[in-house]
Amino acid sequence: MIEFDKYITKKLSAVEAEPDRSNQHELNGVSGLKALLGEQRKDNFNAHFVFEGDSSRVIAKKVTWYDAREQHPERSEFRLYFQTNDVMTAAREGSVLKIGFDHERVFWIELAS
């Protein structure tokens, strides 16, 4: 079980989770995610993807936090890009993710069961 220090919950939309709706591999940067990760670009940092209740199956991947409209600062649109992995492949529209840092500043993305 992950003991989060700081986290948000995010309910996934169809374009974030359904392969027939989008192949972006991105989560929209809602205000909670922006508060968690800040407004500075973070390239290829470590994330641990896990299914809730199954800490034996941790999937380590790189993620990137960026502003998709960085050339237009008055219209910022932050996104979290992730690499394909079993956790996100299992996610569907309406799935809930717990996203955050543990006490050792390890970044986790946990798919609720």
PDB file of N, CA and C in Angstrom:
ATOM      1  N   MET A   1       0.841  -1.190   0.000  1.00  0.00           N
ATOM      2  CA  MET A   1       0.000   0.000   0.000  1.00  0.00           C
ATOM      3  C   MET A   1       0.881   1.248   0.000  1.00  0.00           C
ATOM      4  N   ILE A   2       0.572   2.152  -0.879  1.00  0.00           N
ATOM      5  CA  ILE A   2       1.338   3.398  -0.985  1.00  0.00           C
ATOM      6  C   ILE A   2       0.863   4.370   0.090  1.00  0.00           C
ATOM      7  N   GLU A   3       1.805   4.957   0.798  1.00  0.00           N
ATOM      8  CA  GLU A   3       1.474   6.001   1.755  1.00  0.00           C
ATOM      9  C   GLU A   3       1.821   7.339   1.115  1.00  0.00           C
ATOM     10  N   PHE A   4       0.807   7.979   0.550  1.00  0.00           N
ATOM     11  CA  PHE A   4       1.001   9.247  -0.133  1.00  0.00           C
ATOM     12  C   PHE A   4       1.236  10.368   0.867  1.00  0.00           C
ATOM     13  N   ASP A   5       2.138  11.272   0.508  1.00  0.00           N
ATOM     14  CA  ASP A   5       2.341  12.505   1.253  1.00  0.00           C
ATOM     15  C   ASP A   5       1.409  13.570   0.691  1.00  0.00           C
ATOM     16  N   LYS A   6       1.432  13.720  -0.635  1.00  0.00           N
ATOM     17  CA  LYS A   6       0.552  14.652  -1.350  1.00  0.00           C
ATOM     18  C   LYS A   6       0.024  13.931  -2.573  1.00  0.00           C
ATOM     19  N   TYR A   7      -1.266  14.091  -2.842  1.00  0.00           N
ATOM     20  CA  TYR A   7      -1.834  13.452  -4.026  1.00  0.00           C
ATOM     21  C   TYR A   7      -3.122  14.144  -4.441  1.00  0.00           C
ATOM     22  N   ILE A   8      -3.531  13.849  -5.651  1.00  0.00           N
ATOM     23  CA  ILE A   8      -4.839  14.259  -6.155  1.00  0.00           C
ATOM     24  C   ILE A   8      -5.522  13.008  -6.692  1.00  0.00           C
ATOM     25  N   THR A   9      -6.829  13.099  -6.860  1.00  0.00           N
ATOM     26  CA  THR A   9      -7.542  12.049  -7.576  1.00  0.00           C
ATOM     27  C   THR A   9      -8.023  12.645  -8.890  1.00  0.00           C
ATOM     28  N   LYS A  10      -7.993  11.835  -9.924  1.00  0.00           N
ATOM     29  CA  LYS A  10      -8.388  12.299 -11.254  1.00  0.00           C
ATOM     30  C   LYS A  10      -9.279  11.254 -11.896  1.00  0.00           C
ATOM     31  N   LYS A  11     -10.468  11.675 -12.286  1.00  0.00           N
ATOM     32  CA  LYS A  11     -11.385  10.812 -13.023  1.00  0.00           C
ATOM     33  C   LYS A  11     -11.086  10.985 -14.505  1.00  0.00           C
ATOM     34  N   LEU A  12     -10.844   9.879 -15.191  1.00  0.00           N
ATOM     35  CA  LEU A  12     -10.407   9.950 -16.583  1.00  0.00           C
ATOM     36  C   LEU A  12     -11.558  10.185 -17.552  1.00  0.00           C
ATOM     37  N   SER A  13     -11.282  11.034 -18.529  1.00  0.00           N
ATOM     38  CA  SER A  13     -12.222  11.265 -19.628  1.00  0.00           C
ATOM     39  C   SER A  13     -11.945  10.249 -20.732  1.00  0.00           C
ATOM     40  N   ALA A  14     -12.828  10.188 -21.704  1.00  0.00           N
ATOM     41  CA  ALA A  14     -12.665   9.241 -22.813  1.00  0.00           C
ATOM     42  C   ALA A  14     -11.361   9.483 -23.568  1.00  0.00           C
ATOM     43  N   VAL A  15     -11.016  10.743 -23.838  1.00  0.00           N
ATOM     44  CA  VAL A  15      -9.800  11.008 -24.619  1.00  0.00           C
ATOM     45  C   VAL A  15      -8.527  10.700 -23.838  1.00  0.00           C
ATOM     46  N   GLU A  16      -8.619  10.608 -22.522  1.00  0.00           N
ATOM     47  CA  GLU A  16      -7.454  10.243 -21.720  1.00  0.00           C
ATOM     48  C   GLU A  16      -7.287   8.731 -21.605  1.00  0.00           C
ATOM     49  N   ALA A  17      -8.364   7.978 -21.810  1.00  0.00           N
ATOM     50  CA  ALA A  17      -8.310   6.554 -21.490  1.00  0.00           C
ATOM     51  C   ALA A  17      -8.713   5.599 -22.607  1.00  0.00           C
ATOM     52  N   GLU A  18      -9.510   6.035 -23.535  1.00  0.00           N
ATOM     53  CA  GLU A  18     -10.042   5.116 -24.544  1.00  0.00           C
ATOM     54  C   GLU A  18      -9.202   5.161 -25.817  1.00  0.00           C
ATOM     55  N   PRO A  19      -8.559   4.048 -26.187  1.00  0.00           N
ATOM     56  CA  PRO A  19      -7.679   4.038 -27.365  1.00  0.00           C
ATOM     57  C   PRO A  19      -8.389   4.389 -28.670  1.00  0.00           C
ATOM     58  N   ASP A  20      -9.687   4.106 -28.766  1.00  0.00           N
ATOM     59  CA  ASP A  20     -10.406   4.447 -29.997  1.00  0.00           C
ATOM     60  C   ASP A  20     -10.770   5.926 -30.064  1.00  0.00           C
ATOM     61  N   ARG A  21     -10.579   6.656 -28.965  1.00  0.00           N
ATOM     62  CA  ARG A  21     -10.861   8.090 -28.932  1.00  0.00           C
ATOM     63  C   ARG A  21      -9.597   8.935 -29.057  1.00  0.00           C
ATOM     64  N   SER A  22      -8.452   8.362 -28.654  1.00  0.00           N
ATOM     65  CA  SER A  22      -7.205   9.124 -28.701  1.00  0.00           C
ATOM     66  C   SER A  22      -6.018   8.200 -28.472  1.00  0.00           C
ATOM     67  N   ASN A  23      -4.919   8.509 -29.102  1.00  0.00           N
ATOM     68  CA  ASN A  23      -3.667   7.787 -28.873  1.00  0.00           C
ATOM     69  C   ASN A  23      -2.631   8.697 -28.234  1.00  0.00           C
ATOM     70  N   GLN A  24      -3.084   9.712 -27.536  1.00  0.00           N
ATOM     71  CA  GLN A  24      -2.179  10.739 -27.032  1.00  0.00           C
ATOM     72  C   GLN A  24      -1.281  10.286 -25.890  1.00  0.00           C
ATOM     73  N   HIS A  25      -1.713   9.344 -25.069  1.00  0.00           N
ATOM     74  CA  HIS A  25      -0.950   8.960 -23.881  1.00  0.00           C
ATOM     75  C   HIS A  25      -0.709  10.173 -22.980  1.00  0.00           C
ATOM     76  N   GLU A  26      -1.745  10.960 -22.779  1.00  0.00           N
ATOM     77  CA  GLU A  26      -1.617  12.168 -21.971  1.00  0.00           C
ATOM     78  C   GLU A  26      -2.804  12.319 -21.040  1.00  0.00           C
ATOM     79  N   LEU A  27      -2.521  12.896 -19.882  1.00  0.00           N
ATOM     80  CA  LEU A  27      -3.563  13.290 -18.955  1.00  0.00           C
ATOM     81  C   LEU A  27      -3.663  14.805 -18.992  1.00  0.00           C
ATOM     82  N   ASN A  28      -4.878  15.317 -19.032  1.00  0.00           N
ATOM     83  CA  ASN A  28      -5.064  16.760 -19.008  1.00  0.00           C
ATOM     84  C   ASN A  28      -4.627  17.306 -17.657  1.00  0.00           C
ATOM     85  N   GLY A  29      -3.950  18.428 -17.691  1.00  0.00           N
ATOM     86  CA  GLY A  29      -3.381  19.026 -16.481  1.00  0.00           C
ATOM     87  C   GLY A  29      -4.381  19.840 -15.701  1.00  0.00           C
ATOM     88  N   VAL A  30      -5.302  19.173 -15.036  1.00  0.00           N
ATOM     89  CA  VAL A  30      -6.292  19.854 -14.213  1.00  0.00           C
ATOM     90  C   VAL A  30      -5.594  20.649 -13.115  1.00  0.00           C
ATOM     91  N   SER A  31      -6.333  21.554 -12.482  1.00  0.00           N
ATOM     92  CA  SER A  31      -5.716  22.462 -11.509  1.00  0.00           C
ATOM     93  C   SER A  31      -5.015  21.719 -10.369  1.00  0.00           C
ATOM     94  N   GLY A  32      -5.576  20.612  -9.910  1.00  0.00           N
ATOM     95  CA  GLY A  32      -4.931  19.851  -8.839  1.00  0.00           C
ATOM     96  C   GLY A  32      -3.591  19.281  -9.258  1.00  0.00           C
ATOM     97  N   LEU A  33      -3.528  18.809 -10.492  1.00  0.00           N
ATOM     98  CA  LEU A  33      -2.272  18.267 -11.015  1.00  0.00           C
ATOM     99  C   LEU A  33      -1.244  19.382 -11.187  1.00  0.00           C
ATOM    100  N   LYS A  34      -1.721  20.532 -11.621  1.00  0.00           N
ATOM    101  CA  LYS A  34      -0.835  21.689 -11.771  1.00  0.00           C
ATOM    102  C   LYS A  34      -0.300  22.137 -10.407  1.00  0.00           C
ATOM    103  N   ALA A  35      -1.136  22.102  -9.389  1.00  0.00           N
ATOM    104  CA  ALA A  35      -0.692  22.461  -8.033  1.00  0.00           C
ATOM    105  C   ALA A  35       0.329  21.448  -7.511  1.00  0.00           C
ATOM    106  N   LEU A  36       0.171  20.191  -7.877  1.00  0.00           N
ATOM    107  CA  LEU A  36       1.073  19.133  -7.435  1.00  0.00           C
ATOM    108  C   LEU A  36       2.430  19.204  -8.132  1.00  0.00           C
ATOM    109  N   LEU A  37       2.414  19.464  -9.450  1.00  0.00           N
ATOM    110  CA  LEU A  37       3.646  19.403 -10.251  1.00  0.00           C
ATOM    111  C   LEU A  37       4.245  20.768 -10.584  1.00  0.00           C
ATOM    112  N   GLY A  38       3.493  21.834 -10.402  1.00  0.00           N
ATOM    113  CA  GLY A  38       4.010  23.167 -10.678  1.00  0.00           C
ATOM    114  C   GLY A  38       3.821  23.591 -12.119  1.00  0.00           C
ATOM    115  N   GLU A  39       4.427  24.709 -12.461  1.00  0.00           N
ATOM    116  CA  GLU A  39       4.271  25.276 -13.798  1.00  0.00           C
ATOM    117  C   GLU A  39       5.535  25.183 -14.636  1.00  0.00           C
ATOM    118  N   GLN A  40       6.553  24.522 -14.130  1.00  0.00           N
ATOM    119  CA  GLN A  40       7.789  24.341 -14.891  1.00  0.00           C
ATOM    120  C   GLN A  40       7.767  22.991 -15.589  1.00  0.00           C
ATOM    121  N   ARG A  41       8.267  22.978 -16.802  1.00  0.00           N
ATOM    122  CA  ARG A  41       8.364  21.735 -17.561  1.00  0.00           C
ATOM    123  C   ARG A  41       9.277  20.749 -16.825  1.00  0.00           C
ATOM    124  N   LYS A  42       8.878  19.498 -16.793  1.00  0.00           N
ATOM    125  CA  LYS A  42       9.679  18.429 -16.180  1.00  0.00           C
ATOM    126  C   LYS A  42       9.742  17.295 -17.188  1.00  0.00           C
ATOM    127  N   ASP A  43      10.924  17.074 -17.749  1.00  0.00           N
ATOM    128  CA  ASP A  43      11.096  16.065 -18.796  1.00  0.00           C
ATOM    129  C   ASP A  43      11.556  14.732 -18.234  1.00  0.00           C
ATOM    130  N   ASN A  44      10.927  13.678 -18.716  1.00  0.00           N
ATOM    131  CA  ASN A  44      11.372  12.301 -18.462  1.00  0.00           C
ATOM    132  C   ASN A  44      11.741  12.024 -17.011  1.00  0.00           C
ATOM    133  N   PHE A  45      10.805  12.280 -16.111  1.00  0.00           N
ATOM    134  CA  PHE A  45      11.071  11.926 -14.718  1.00  0.00           C
ATOM    135  C   PHE A  45      10.372  10.611 -14.386  1.00  0.00           C
ATOM    136  N   ASN A  46      10.860   9.969 -13.348  1.00  0.00           N
ATOM    137  CA  ASN A  46      10.384   8.631 -12.997  1.00  0.00           C
ATOM    138  C   ASN A  46       8.991   8.661 -12.392  1.00  0.00           C
ATOM    139  N   ALA A  47       8.177   7.723 -12.839  1.00  0.00           N
ATOM    140  CA  ALA A  47       6.850   7.508 -12.267  1.00  0.00           C
ATOM    141  C   ALA A  47       6.674   6.019 -12.037  1.00  0.00           C
ATOM    142  N   HIS A  48       5.960   5.694 -10.994  1.00  0.00           N
ATOM    143  CA  HIS A  48       5.655   4.301 -10.679  1.00  0.00           C
ATOM    144  C   HIS A  48       4.148   4.106 -10.843  1.00  0.00           C
ATOM    145  N   PHE A  49       3.774   3.277 -11.796  1.00  0.00           N
ATOM    146  CA  PHE A  49       2.372   2.972 -12.064  1.00  0.00           C
ATOM    147  C   PHE A  49       2.024   1.687 -11.329  1.00  0.00           C
ATOM    148  N   VAL A  50       0.838   1.657 -10.722  1.00  0.00           N
ATOM    149  CA  VAL A  50       0.453   0.490  -9.931  1.00  0.00           C
ATOM    150  C   VAL A  50      -1.073   0.373  -9.905  1.00  0.00           C
ATOM    151  N   PHE A  51      -1.541  -0.860  -9.790  1.00  0.00           N
ATOM    152  CA  PHE A  51      -2.957  -1.116  -9.556  1.00  0.00           C
ATOM    153  C   PHE A  51      -3.199  -1.029  -8.053  1.00  0.00           C
ATOM    154  N   GLU A  52      -4.267  -0.381  -7.649  1.00  0.00           N
ATOM    155  CA  GLU A  52      -4.584  -0.258  -6.229  1.00  0.00           C
ATOM    156  C   GLU A  52      -4.621  -1.644  -5.573  1.00  0.00           C
ATOM    157  N   GLY A  53      -3.953  -1.766  -4.447  1.00  0.00           N
ATOM    158  CA  GLY A  53      -3.943  -3.015  -3.709  1.00  0.00           C
ATOM    159  C   GLY A  53      -2.953  -4.046  -4.209  1.00  0.00           C
ATOM    160  N   ASP A  54      -2.167  -3.710  -5.232  1.00  0.00           N
ATOM    161  CA  ASP A  54      -1.209  -4.674  -5.787  1.00  0.00           C
ATOM    162  C   ASP A  54       0.166  -4.026  -5.916  1.00  0.00           C
ATOM    163  N   SER A  55       0.794  -3.756  -4.792  1.00  0.00           N
ATOM    164  CA  SER A  55       2.104  -3.102  -4.827  1.00  0.00           C
ATOM    165  C   SER A  55       3.214  -4.040  -5.287  1.00  0.00           C
ATOM    166  N   SER A  56       2.891  -5.306  -5.524  1.00  0.00           N
ATOM    167  CA  SER A  56       3.905  -6.238  -6.037  1.00  0.00           C
ATOM    168  C   SER A  56       4.136  -6.048  -7.535  1.00  0.00           C
ATOM    169  N   ARG A  57       3.232  -5.352  -8.206  1.00  0.00           N
ATOM    170  CA  ARG A  57       3.321  -5.150  -9.654  1.00  0.00           C
ATOM    171  C   ARG A  57       3.561  -3.681  -9.974  1.00  0.00           C
ATOM    172  N   VAL A  58       4.691  -3.161  -9.615  1.00  0.00           N
ATOM    173  CA  VAL A  58       5.020  -1.756  -9.882  1.00  0.00           C
ATOM    174  C   VAL A  58       5.647  -1.659 -11.264  1.00  0.00           C
ATOM    175  N   ILE A  59       5.131  -0.735 -12.067  1.00  0.00           N
ATOM    176  CA  ILE A  59       5.647  -0.521 -13.419  1.00  0.00           C
ATOM    177  C   ILE A  59       6.335   0.839 -13.438  1.00  0.00           C
ATOM    178  N   ALA A  60       7.640   0.842 -13.616  1.00  0.00           N
ATOM    179  CA  ALA A  60       8.411   2.088 -13.651  1.00  0.00           C
ATOM    180  C   ALA A  60       8.497   2.583 -15.090  1.00  0.00           C
ATOM    181  N   LYS A  61       8.068   3.817 -15.297  1.00  0.00           N
ATOM    182  CA  LYS A  61       8.107   4.450 -16.616  1.00  0.00           C
ATOM    183  C   LYS A  61       8.479   5.912 -16.440  1.00  0.00           C
ATOM    184  N   LYS A  62       8.845   6.541 -17.537  1.00  0.00           N
ATOM    185  CA  LYS A  62       9.127   7.977 -17.540  1.00  0.00           C
ATOM    186  C   LYS A  62       7.854   8.730 -17.919  1.00  0.00           C
ATOM    187  N   VAL A  63       7.689   9.905 -17.336  1.00  0.00           N
ATOM    188  CA  VAL A  63       6.596  10.804 -17.688  1.00  0.00           C
ATOM    189  C   VAL A  63       7.175  12.193 -17.923  1.00  0.00           C
ATOM    190  N   THR A  64       6.435  13.002 -18.648  1.00  0.00           N
ATOM    191  CA  THR A  64       6.840  14.386 -18.902  1.00  0.00           C
ATOM    192  C   THR A  64       5.655  15.302 -18.622  1.00  0.00           C
ATOM    193  N   TRP A  65       5.903  16.342 -17.837  1.00  0.00           N
ATOM    194  CA  TRP A  65       4.912  17.364 -17.514  1.00  0.00           C
ATOM    195  C   TRP A  65       5.259  18.597 -18.338  1.00  0.00           C
ATOM    196  N   TYR A  66       4.330  19.058 -19.159  1.00  0.00           N
ATOM    197  CA  TYR A  66       4.653  20.181 -20.035  1.00  0.00           C
ATOM    198  C   TYR A  66       3.408  20.986 -20.372  1.00  0.00           C
ATOM    199  N   ASP A  67       3.637  22.184 -20.866  1.00  0.00           N
ATOM    200  CA  ASP A  67       2.578  23.070 -21.332  1.00  0.00           C
ATOM    201  C   ASP A  67       2.473  22.907 -22.842  1.00  0.00           C
ATOM    202  N   ALA A  68       1.383  22.332 -23.303  1.00  0.00           N
ATOM    203  CA  ALA A  68       1.191  22.091 -24.733  1.00  0.00           C
ATOM    204  C   ALA A  68       1.112  23.392 -25.527  1.00  0.00           C
ATOM    205  N   ARG A  69       0.869  24.489 -24.835  1.00  0.00           N
ATOM    206  CA  ARG A  69       0.777  25.794 -25.502  1.00  0.00           C
ATOM    207  C   ARG A  69       1.834  26.750 -24.954  1.00  0.00           C
ATOM    208  N   GLU A  70       3.041  26.241 -24.755  1.00  0.00           N
ATOM    209  CA  GLU A  70       4.074  27.078 -24.145  1.00  0.00           C
ATOM    210  C   GLU A  70       4.417  28.304 -24.982  1.00  0.00           C
ATOM    211  N   GLN A  71       4.111  28.281 -26.257  1.00  0.00           N
ATOM    212  CA  GLN A  71       4.342  29.452 -27.109  1.00  0.00           C
ATOM    213  C   GLN A  71       3.264  30.523 -26.907  1.00  0.00           C
ATOM    214  N   HIS A  72       2.206  30.177 -26.176  1.00  0.00           N
ATOM    215  CA  HIS A  72       1.096  31.098 -25.907  1.00  0.00           C
ATOM    216  C   HIS A  72       0.833  31.123 -24.400  1.00  0.00           C
ATOM    217  N   PRO A  73       1.685  31.806 -23.632  1.00  0.00           N
ATOM    218  CA  PRO A  73       1.615  31.753 -22.172  1.00  0.00           C
ATOM    219  C   PRO A  73       0.269  32.177 -21.586  1.00  0.00           C
ATOM    220  N   GLU A  74      -0.471  32.998 -22.290  1.00  0.00           N
ATOM    221  CA  GLU A  74      -1.771  33.426 -21.767  1.00  0.00           C
ATOM    222  C   GLU A  74      -2.829  32.333 -21.909  1.00  0.00           C
ATOM    223  N   ARG A  75      -2.499  31.260 -22.631  1.00  0.00           N
ATOM    224  CA  ARG A  75      -3.449  30.159 -22.835  1.00  0.00           C
ATOM    225  C   ARG A  75      -2.790  28.818 -22.502  1.00  0.00           C
ATOM    226  N   SER A  76      -2.178  28.718 -21.364  1.00  0.00           N
ATOM    227  CA  SER A  76      -1.452  27.489 -21.027  1.00  0.00           C
ATOM    228  C   SER A  76      -2.404  26.295 -20.935  1.00  0.00           C
ATOM    229  N   GLU A  77      -1.872  25.142 -21.298  1.00  0.00           N
ATOM    230  CA  GLU A  77      -2.632  23.887 -21.279  1.00  0.00           C
ATOM    231  C   GLU A  77      -1.666  22.766 -20.896  1.00  0.00           C
ATOM    232  N   PHE A  78      -1.577  22.508 -19.606  1.00  0.00           N
ATOM    233  CA  PHE A  78      -0.617  21.523 -19.118  1.00  0.00           C
ATOM    234  C   PHE A  78      -1.113  20.103 -19.345  1.00  0.00           C
ATOM    235  N   ARG A  79      -0.144  19.220 -19.592  1.00  0.00           N
ATOM    236  CA  ARG A  79      -0.439  17.805 -19.816  1.00  0.00           C
ATOM    237  C   ARG A  79       0.670  16.962 -19.211  1.00  0.00           C
ATOM    238  N   LEU A  80       0.285  15.752 -18.806  1.00  0.00           N
ATOM    239  CA  LEU A  80       1.239  14.770 -18.304  1.00  0.00           C
ATOM    240  C   LEU A  80       1.289  13.637 -19.316  1.00  0.00           C
ATOM    241  N   TYR A  81       2.414  13.567 -20.022  1.00  0.00           N
ATOM    242  CA  TYR A  81       2.612  12.518 -21.021  1.00  0.00           C
ATOM    243  C   TYR A  81       3.179  11.284 -20.331  1.00  0.00           C
ATOM    244  N   PHE A  82       2.629  10.116 -20.665  1.00  0.00           N
ATOM    245  CA  PHE A  82       3.115   8.865 -20.087  1.00  0.00           C
ATOM    246  C   PHE A  82       3.378   7.847 -21.189  1.00  0.00           C
ATOM    247  N   GLN A  83       4.280   6.927 -20.919  1.00  0.00           N
ATOM    248  CA  GLN A  83       4.559   5.831 -21.840  1.00  0.00           C
ATOM    249  C   GLN A  83       3.513   4.735 -21.637  1.00  0.00           C
ATOM    250  N   THR A  84       3.252   3.982 -22.692  1.00  0.00           N
ATOM    251  CA  THR A  84       2.309   2.874 -22.604  1.00  0.00           C
ATOM    252  C   THR A  84       2.724   1.916 -21.496  1.00  0.00           C
ATOM    253  N   ASN A  85       1.742   1.480 -20.721  1.00  0.00           N
ATOM    254  CA  ASN A  85       1.999   0.497 -19.666  1.00  0.00           C
ATOM    255  C   ASN A  85       0.690  -0.203 -19.308  1.00  0.00           C
ATOM    256  N   ASP A  86       0.791  -1.328 -18.624  1.00  0.00           N
ATOM    257  CA  ASP A  86      -0.388  -2.140 -18.313  1.00  0.00           C
ATOM    258  C   ASP A  86      -1.426  -1.412 -17.470  1.00  0.00           C
ATOM    259  N   VAL A  87      -0.987  -0.572 -16.561  1.00  0.00           N
ATOM    260  CA  VAL A  87      -1.924   0.151 -15.704  1.00  0.00           C
ATOM    261  C   VAL A  87      -2.790   1.080 -16.545  1.00  0.00           C
ATOM    262  N   MET A  88      -2.160   1.891 -17.386  1.00  0.00           N
ATOM    263  CA  MET A  88      -2.932   2.843 -18.180  1.00  0.00           C
ATOM    264  C   MET A  88      -3.717   2.153 -19.296  1.00  0.00           C
ATOM    265  N   THR A  89      -3.246   1.015 -19.771  1.00  0.00           N
ATOM    266  CA  THR A  89      -4.003   0.252 -20.763  1.00  0.00           C
ATOM    267  C   THR A  89      -5.295  -0.282 -20.145  1.00  0.00           C
ATOM    268  N   ALA A  90      -5.269  -0.607 -18.866  1.00  0.00           N
ATOM    269  CA  ALA A  90      -6.459  -1.113 -18.179  1.00  0.00           C
ATOM    270  C   ALA A  90      -7.454  -0.005 -17.830  1.00  0.00           C
ATOM    271  N   ALA A  91      -7.006   1.239 -17.797  1.00  0.00           N
ATOM    272  CA  ALA A  91      -7.875   2.359 -17.438  1.00  0.00           C
ATOM    273  C   ALA A  91      -8.911   2.603 -18.529  1.00  0.00           C
ATOM    274  N   ARG A  92     -10.086   3.049 -18.111  1.00  0.00           N
ATOM    275  CA  ARG A  92     -11.179   3.357 -19.021  1.00  0.00           C
ATOM    276  C   ARG A  92     -11.789   4.700 -18.636  1.00  0.00           C
ATOM    277  N   GLU A  93     -12.649   5.223 -19.499  1.00  0.00           N
ATOM    278  CA  GLU A  93     -13.380   6.437 -19.168  1.00  0.00           C
ATOM    279  C   GLU A  93     -14.094   6.220 -17.837  1.00  0.00           C
ATOM    280  N   GLY A  94     -13.926   7.167 -16.930  1.00  0.00           N
ATOM    281  CA  GLY A  94     -14.529   7.055 -15.609  1.00  0.00           C
ATOM    282  C   GLY A  94     -13.628   6.420 -14.564  1.00  0.00           C
ATOM    283  N   SER A  95     -12.533   5.792 -14.997  1.00  0.00           N
ATOM    284  CA  SER A  95     -11.569   5.245 -14.032  1.00  0.00           C
ATOM    285  C   SER A  95     -10.989   6.380 -13.197  1.00  0.00           C
ATOM    286  N   VAL A  96     -10.602   6.049 -11.983  1.00  0.00           N
ATOM    287  CA  VAL A  96     -10.038   7.055 -11.080  1.00  0.00           C
ATOM    288  C   VAL A  96      -8.579   6.722 -10.803  1.00  0.00           C
ATOM    289  N   LEU A  97      -7.740   7.734 -10.962  1.00  0.00           N
ATOM    290  CA  LEU A  97      -6.319   7.621 -10.640  1.00  0.00           C
ATOM    291  C   LEU A  97      -6.030   8.408  -9.377  1.00  0.00           C
ATOM    292  N   LYS A  98      -5.139   7.885  -8.563  1.00  0.00           N
ATOM    293  CA  LYS A  98      -4.570   8.642  -7.455  1.00  0.00           C
ATOM    294  C   LYS A  98      -3.153   8.962  -7.910  1.00  0.00           C
ATOM    295  N   ILE A  99      -2.831  10.246  -7.993  1.00  0.00           N
ATOM    296  CA  ILE A  99      -1.554  10.704  -8.532  1.00  0.00           C
ATOM    297  C   ILE A  99      -0.862  11.552  -7.476  1.00  0.00           C
ATOM    298  N   GLY A 100       0.379  11.201  -7.145  1.00  0.00           N
ATOM    299  CA  GLY A 100       1.069  12.010  -6.156  1.00  0.00           C
ATOM    300  C   GLY A 100       2.411  11.456  -5.737  1.00  0.00           C
ATOM    301  N   PHE A 101       2.914  12.029  -4.664  1.00  0.00           N
ATOM    302  CA  PHE A 101       4.237  11.699  -4.138  1.00  0.00           C
ATOM    303  C   PHE A 101       4.107  11.023  -2.778  1.00  0.00           C
ATOM    304  N   ASP A 102       4.991  10.056  -2.550  1.00  0.00           N
ATOM    305  CA  ASP A 102       5.050   9.463  -1.215  1.00  0.00           C
ATOM    306  C   ASP A 102       6.008  10.292  -0.352  1.00  0.00           C
ATOM    307  N   HIS A 103       6.277   9.827   0.853  1.00  0.00           N
ATOM    308  CA  HIS A 103       7.120  10.585   1.797  1.00  0.00           C
ATOM    309  C   HIS A 103       8.574  10.691   1.354  1.00  0.00           C
ATOM    310  N   GLU A 104       8.983   9.839   0.412  1.00  0.00           N
ATOM    311  CA  GLU A 104      10.355   9.892  -0.109  1.00  0.00           C
ATOM    312  C   GLU A 104      10.424  10.609  -1.456  1.00  0.00           C
ATOM    313  N   ARG A 105       9.346  11.284  -1.835  1.00  0.00           N
ATOM    314  CA  ARG A 105       9.230  12.053  -3.088  1.00  0.00           C
ATOM    315  C   ARG A 105       9.230  11.162  -4.328  1.00  0.00           C
ATOM    316  N   VAL A 106       8.816   9.910  -4.177  1.00  0.00           N
ATOM    317  CA  VAL A 106       8.618   9.021  -5.323  1.00  0.00           C
ATOM    318  C   VAL A 106       7.250   9.354  -5.907  1.00  0.00           C
ATOM    319  N   PHE A 107       7.181   9.484  -7.229  1.00  0.00           N
ATOM    320  CA  PHE A 107       5.946   9.856  -7.921  1.00  0.00           C
ATOM    321  C   PHE A 107       5.180   8.598  -8.304  1.00  0.00           C
ATOM    322  N   TRP A 108       3.912   8.541  -7.914  1.00  0.00           N
ATOM    323  CA  TRP A 108       3.067   7.372  -8.139  1.00  0.00           C
ATOM    324  C   TRP A 108       1.814   7.730  -8.930  1.00  0.00           C
ATOM    325  N   ILE A 109       1.381   6.799  -9.769  1.00  0.00           N
ATOM    326  CA  ILE A 109       0.080   6.875 -10.431  1.00  0.00           C
ATOM    327  C   ILE A 109      -0.596   5.535 -10.164  1.00  0.00           C
ATOM    328  N   GLU A 110      -1.656   5.579  -9.367  1.00  0.00           N
ATOM    329  CA  GLU A 110      -2.327   4.363  -8.921  1.00  0.00           C
ATOM    330  C   GLU A 110      -3.735   4.310  -9.508  1.00  0.00           C
ATOM    331  N   LEU A 111      -4.054   3.207 -10.174  1.00  0.00           N
ATOM    332  CA  LEU A 111      -5.387   3.009 -10.744  1.00  0.00           C
ATOM    333  C   LEU A 111      -6.273   2.369  -9.692  1.00  0.00           C
ATOM    334  N   ALA A 112      -7.350   3.071  -9.327  1.00  0.00           N
ATOM    335  CA  ALA A 112      -8.285   2.544  -8.331  1.00  0.00           C
ATOM    336  C   ALA A 112      -9.008   1.324  -8.882  1.00  0.00           C
ATOM    337  N   SER A 113      -9.304   0.392  -7.983  1.00  0.00           N
ATOM    338  CA  SER A 113      -9.989  -0.829  -8.419  1.00  0.00           C
ATOM    339  C   SER A 113     -11.494  -0.643  -8.436  1.00  0.00           C
TER     340      SER A 113
END
